[in-house]
Amino acid sequence: AVVSTQSTGEGSKIAQRCIWYGRVKDRKLIMRSFKGHVKDMACDPNGYLVLCAVFDTVDDTVMVRKMVLGEVTAELDALVMSISGRKLLRYLLAGRESSQTHTQVIESLRVGEGNAISKKDPEVRRGEILSAVSPAVITYCKENIESLLLDNSTASLIPLVVEHAKGDVGEVLTALISHLTSSDVMEQFPVHFALKKLLKMEGGVLGGMILEQVNIPTICGW
């Protein structure tokens, strides 16, 4: 029933409440019903909020990884190309940062806080979810750096992954530098957009890697 109603605004709100206030076994049954539907939910403007409610609420993150995140990471191509899919990825990576998730969405998800079923510290739960999704997201960015840089909306995911993902995000930066030095792309706006955000990050990791991996004449040519 949750899957069949989640694609409407009211249906999504009902589904979120079923997750927030359902017992542990009810939540498991709800997530089991998602099988084969996670991609469609993630790419739906109402459905992705139901998945956010799962990530916010279900304490058994191993079960969440098996029942939900497995399909999320298997369908990253579809999510990256979808407005709602990118919103879900932003929420998975950056949580409730207002720069990544609309304030209205954050407020709507706060309704589920303080339910009597969830016991785990929210930050611990979020960290476990982030650890589960990060390897696939890092690998995806590394292997699809060229296509991500074709548009601002997808290019913006690169600094997001570098800033928040858990793992060797240097692999993403190495792939980026390799692409910059092998292609004439420096004048493309999405490239400028991503580089500007990356170079502004605390620690200046990208700048240091460029100096290590790129010769001075090439840098001057940029």
Protein backbone atom coordinates (compact mmCIF):
# COMPACT_ATOMS: atom_id res chain seq x y z
CA ALA A 1 0.00 0.00 0.00
CA VAL A 2 2.86 2.38 0.80
CA VAL A 3 4.44 1.93 -2.64
CA SER A 4 1.13 2.45 -4.43
CA THR A 5 0.39 5.75 -2.65
CA GLN A 6 3.82 7.37 -2.25
CA SER A 7 3.85 9.15 -5.62
CA THR A 8 1.18 11.67 -4.58
CA GLY A 9 1.71 14.48 -2.08
CA GLU A 10 -0.82 13.17 0.43
CA GLY A 11 0.22 9.58 -0.18
CA SER A 12 3.83 10.48 0.52
CA LYS A 13 2.89 12.13 3.81
CA ILE A 14 0.91 9.06 4.86
CA ALA A 15 3.78 6.76 3.89
CA GLN A 16 6.25 8.87 5.89
CA ARG A 17 4.02 8.64 8.95
CA CYS A 18 3.72 4.89 8.57
CA ILE A 19 7.51 4.73 8.69
CA TRP A 20 7.91 7.22 11.53
CA TYR A 21 5.32 5.70 13.82
CA GLY A 22 5.28 2.06 12.71
CA ARG A 23 6.74 -0.68 14.87
CA VAL A 24 10.08 -2.21 13.96
CA LYS A 25 8.46 -5.17 12.19
CA ASP A 26 6.09 -2.80 10.37
CA ARG A 27 9.01 -0.78 9.07
CA LYS A 28 10.67 -3.97 7.85
CA LEU A 29 7.52 -4.99 5.98
CA ILE A 30 7.25 -1.52 4.43
CA MET A 31 10.85 -1.58 3.22
CA ARG A 32 10.39 -5.09 1.87
CA SER A 33 7.53 -3.76 -0.25
CA PHE A 34 9.97 -1.30 -1.85
CA LYS A 35 11.81 -4.11 -3.64
CA GLY A 36 12.10 -3.28 -7.34
CA HIS A 37 10.56 0.18 -6.82
CA VAL A 38 13.38 2.14 -5.16
CA LYS A 39 14.61 3.75 -8.38
CA ASP A 40 11.12 5.01 -9.26
CA MET A 41 10.60 6.28 -5.72
CA ALA A 42 13.98 8.04 -5.69
CA CYS A 43 13.23 9.79 -8.98
CA ASP A 44 9.76 10.91 -7.90
CA PRO A 45 9.27 14.34 -6.24
CA ASN A 46 7.08 12.79 -3.55
CA GLY A 47 8.56 9.31 -3.42
CA TYR A 48 12.10 10.39 -2.57
CA LEU A 49 10.79 11.96 0.64
CA VAL A 50 9.55 8.54 1.77
CA LEU A 51 13.08 7.22 1.35
CA CYS A 52 14.43 10.18 3.33
CA ALA A 53 12.04 9.21 6.13
CA VAL A 54 13.53 5.70 6.10
CA PHE A 55 17.08 7.05 6.32
CA ASP A 56 16.04 9.36 9.17
CA THR A 57 14.17 6.79 11.20
CA VAL A 58 15.10 3.12 10.82
CA ASP A 59 17.74 2.13 13.36
CA ASP A 60 18.73 -1.12 11.65
CA THR A 61 20.97 0.43 9.01
CA VAL A 62 22.23 -2.97 7.88
CA MET A 63 18.66 -3.79 6.86
CA VAL A 64 18.32 -0.37 5.20
CA ARG A 65 21.50 -1.04 3.23
CA LYS A 66 20.24 -4.41 2.04
CA MET A 67 16.65 -3.43 1.29
CA VAL A 68 16.99 0.16 0.05
CA LEU A 69 20.53 1.43 -0.46
CA GLY A 70 21.47 -1.55 -2.61
CA GLU A 71 18.94 -0.42 -5.21
CA VAL A 72 19.95 3.23 -4.81
CA THR A 73 23.60 2.50 -5.57
CA ALA A 74 22.69 0.16 -8.43
CA GLU A 75 20.71 2.94 -10.13
CA LEU A 76 23.03 5.92 -9.71
CA ASP A 77 22.86 6.74 -13.42
CA ALA A 78 19.10 7.23 -13.20
CA LEU A 79 19.29 9.17 -9.93
CA VAL A 80 22.00 11.53 -11.18
CA MET A 81 19.93 12.39 -14.25
CA SER A 82 16.78 13.01 -12.17
CA ILE A 83 16.04 16.21 -10.23
CA SER A 84 14.49 14.24 -7.37
CA GLY A 85 17.21 11.61 -7.56
CA ARG A 86 19.86 14.28 -7.08
CA LYS A 87 17.90 15.66 -4.14
CA LEU A 88 17.98 12.24 -2.53
CA LEU A 89 21.73 11.95 -3.10
CA ARG A 90 22.24 15.38 -1.58
CA TYR A 91 20.26 14.32 1.47
CA LEU A 92 22.22 11.08 1.80
CA LEU A 93 25.54 12.91 1.57
CA ALA A 94 24.92 16.21 3.33
CA GLY A 95 21.95 15.46 5.57
CA ARG A 96 19.94 18.49 6.55
CA GLU A 97 22.37 21.15 5.42
CA SER A 98 20.18 24.01 4.23
CA SER A 99 22.55 24.67 1.32
CA GLN A 100 21.66 21.23 -0.08
CA THR A 101 18.09 20.56 1.03
CA HIS A 102 15.24 23.08 0.95
CA THR A 103 14.21 24.40 4.36
CA GLN A 104 10.61 23.39 3.74
CA VAL A 105 11.66 19.79 3.15
CA ILE A 106 13.83 19.80 6.28
CA GLU A 107 10.91 21.09 8.36
CA SER A 108 8.54 18.47 6.94
CA LEU A 109 10.98 15.68 7.83
CA ARG A 110 11.41 17.01 11.37
CA VAL A 111 7.84 15.94 12.06
CA GLY A 112 9.13 12.39 12.49
CA GLU A 113 11.67 13.31 15.16
CA GLY A 114 11.07 12.06 18.67
CA ASN A 115 8.96 9.07 17.65
CA ALA A 116 8.79 6.34 20.27
CA ILE A 117 10.32 3.60 18.11
CA SER A 118 13.65 5.05 16.93
CA LYS A 119 16.28 4.78 19.67
CA LYS A 120 19.60 5.31 17.89
CA ASP A 121 21.32 8.69 17.99
CA PRO A 122 20.39 10.45 14.70
CA GLU A 123 24.00 11.39 13.97
CA VAL A 124 25.16 7.81 14.48
CA ARG A 125 22.41 6.56 12.16
CA ARG A 126 23.25 9.15 9.54
CA GLY A 127 26.94 8.28 9.75
CA GLU A 128 26.19 4.61 9.18
CA ILE A 129 24.00 5.40 6.17
CA LEU A 130 26.69 7.70 4.77
CA SER A 131 29.35 5.01 5.24
CA ALA A 132 27.16 2.51 3.40
CA VAL A 133 26.48 4.70 0.36
CA SER A 134 29.86 6.45 0.05
CA PRO A 135 31.96 3.77 -1.71
CA ALA A 136 29.52 3.42 -4.61
CA VAL A 137 29.13 7.18 -4.97
CA ILE A 138 32.88 7.76 -4.96
CA THR A 139 33.37 5.06 -7.59
CA TYR A 140 30.56 6.47 -9.71
CA CYS A 141 32.03 9.99 -9.67
CA LYS A 142 35.49 8.68 -10.49
CA GLU A 143 34.26 6.62 -13.43
CA ASN A 144 31.80 9.21 -14.79
CA ILE A 145 33.67 12.45 -14.22
CA GLU A 146 33.41 13.48 -17.88
CA SER A 147 29.63 13.10 -18.12
CA LEU A 148 29.08 14.74 -14.74
CA LEU A 149 30.92 17.83 -15.98
CA LEU A 150 28.57 18.32 -18.92
CA ASP A 151 25.95 20.19 -16.88
CA ASN A 152 25.92 22.39 -13.77
CA SER A 153 23.29 20.28 -12.03
CA THR A 154 25.40 17.15 -12.22
CA ALA A 155 28.77 18.89 -11.88
CA SER A 156 27.63 20.19 -8.48
CA LEU A 157 27.60 16.62 -7.19
CA ILE A 158 31.40 16.36 -7.52
CA PRO A 159 32.29 18.87 -4.75
CA LEU A 160 29.43 17.46 -2.67
CA VAL A 161 30.93 13.98 -2.82
CA VAL A 162 34.45 15.25 -2.15
CA GLU A 163 33.28 17.21 0.90
CA HIS A 164 30.98 14.66 2.51
CA ALA A 165 31.59 11.10 1.32
CA LYS A 166 33.50 8.72 3.57
CA GLY A 167 36.41 7.08 1.80
CA ASP A 168 39.21 7.96 -0.58
CA VAL A 169 37.69 11.02 -2.29
CA GLY A 170 41.16 11.71 -3.66
CA GLU A 171 40.27 9.18 -6.36
CA VAL A 172 37.59 11.60 -7.58
CA LEU A 173 40.03 14.51 -7.62
CA THR A 174 42.64 12.44 -9.47
CA ALA A 175 40.05 11.53 -12.11
CA LEU A 176 39.07 15.18 -12.38
CA ILE A 177 42.66 16.34 -12.86
CA SER A 178 43.24 13.62 -15.45
CA HIS A 179 40.19 14.79 -17.38
CA LEU A 180 41.27 18.44 -17.20
CA THR A 181 44.73 17.67 -18.57
CA SER A 182 43.56 15.37 -21.36
CA SER A 183 40.69 17.47 -22.69
CA ASP A 184 40.11 21.06 -23.73
CA VAL A 185 37.36 21.69 -21.18
CA MET A 186 38.62 24.52 -19.00
CA GLU A 187 36.40 27.06 -20.73
CA GLN A 188 33.22 25.08 -20.10
CA PHE A 189 31.02 26.63 -17.43
CA PRO A 190 30.17 23.41 -15.53
CA VAL A 191 33.90 22.76 -15.16
CA HIS A 192 34.46 26.26 -13.78
CA PHE A 193 31.46 25.77 -11.49
CA ALA A 194 32.81 22.55 -9.97
CA LEU A 195 36.41 23.79 -9.73
CA LYS A 196 35.38 26.99 -7.98
CA LYS A 197 33.58 25.05 -5.26
CA LEU A 198 36.39 22.53 -4.90
CA LEU A 199 39.13 25.15 -4.69
CA LYS A 200 37.21 27.02 -1.98
CA MET A 201 37.10 23.96 0.27
CA GLU A 202 38.99 24.09 3.53
CA GLY A 203 42.44 22.56 3.30
CA GLY A 204 43.03 23.30 -0.39
CA VAL A 205 43.38 19.61 -1.27
CA LEU A 206 42.62 20.04 -4.97
CA GLY A 207 45.12 22.90 -5.36
CA GLY A 208 47.85 20.81 -3.79
CA MET A 209 47.07 17.81 -5.99
CA ILE A 210 47.12 19.98 -9.12
CA LEU A 211 50.57 21.28 -8.21
CA GLU A 212 51.78 17.72 -7.63
CA GLN A 213 50.29 16.17 -10.76
CA VAL A 214 50.25 18.91 -13.40
CA ASN A 215 53.27 20.68 -14.90
CA ILE A 216 53.55 24.45 -14.64
CA PRO A 217 53.19 25.20 -18.39
CA THR A 218 49.86 23.33 -18.43
CA ILE A 219 48.63 25.17 -15.34
CA CYS A 220 49.62 28.51 -16.90
CA GLY A 221 47.72 27.52 -20.04
CA TRP A 222 44.54 27.17 -17.99
